[in-house]
Amino acid sequence: MPDTVATAKTARAPQKGQQTKAVIIDAALNLAAQIGLEGLSIGALAEVTQMSKSGVFAHFGSREELQISVVREYHTRFEQEVFYPALDAERGLPRLRAMFANWMKRTSAEIDSGCIYISGAVEFDDRPGPVRDALADSVNTWLAAMYRAVVQAKAEGHLRTDADEKQIAFEIHALILALHYEARFLRSPDSLARANAGFDNILARCASPDAPPAAATAAPARRRLKTVR
């Protein structure tokens, strides 16, 4: 009987540790959205989570490891909200539309809180190291997924044969960046509408005559984006 109790306690310990770490990462993610990754510190998190500094430090070991954990968690939530739901749409233009719509929805929610991809790029664009690498890998993973959707749309005959896939993906990304700048920094009231109009303009220029309507969807599919390591 004592052995059984000891085994149960041993099994619960790692689970409790993972739960505590998840609470810390969630708090760190919320804090980073407001003050940036560079503003994160063991002390600040200890205060927010009402834990000791040593308790927070035990789960990460360094501020850099904490920052990378936040980037990974942000990446996970991003793909769950933006990428996976879009896979329920048909390959091609319906899926590309769904990806952009999901991205716009998330961006709209982040206008007040801030986007770690964008703030992180400003903080770490000229600072080589593991945190910058984690951020760049995460952003590149998402942009590659967006580019694949554009390529698939062309392969399905939904885009003109002379459409430049890389240019389309670039312009879609540029719309999101402009939206953050206009809405968050300049407080432009019509920025969301203009970003949507910009996407419509891209399709008006590049879509083929046989492109399916915006409401076209198909059976669900599932695939993971490459996870940041």
Foldseek 3Di string as FASTA:
>chain_A
DVVVVVVVVVVVVVVVLVVVLVVLLVVLLLVCLAVNLVPDDLVVSCVVVVHDSVSSCVSQVDSLSSLLSNLLVLLVVCCVQQPQVLQQFDQAPLSLLSNLVSLLVVLVVSLVRHDNLVRVCVVCVPPDDDNVVLSVVSVVLVLVVSLVSLVRNVVVQFWDVPDDSVVLSVQLVVLSVVLSCCCNPVVDPCSSVVSVVSNVVSSVVITDPPHDDNPGGHGGDDDDGDGRD
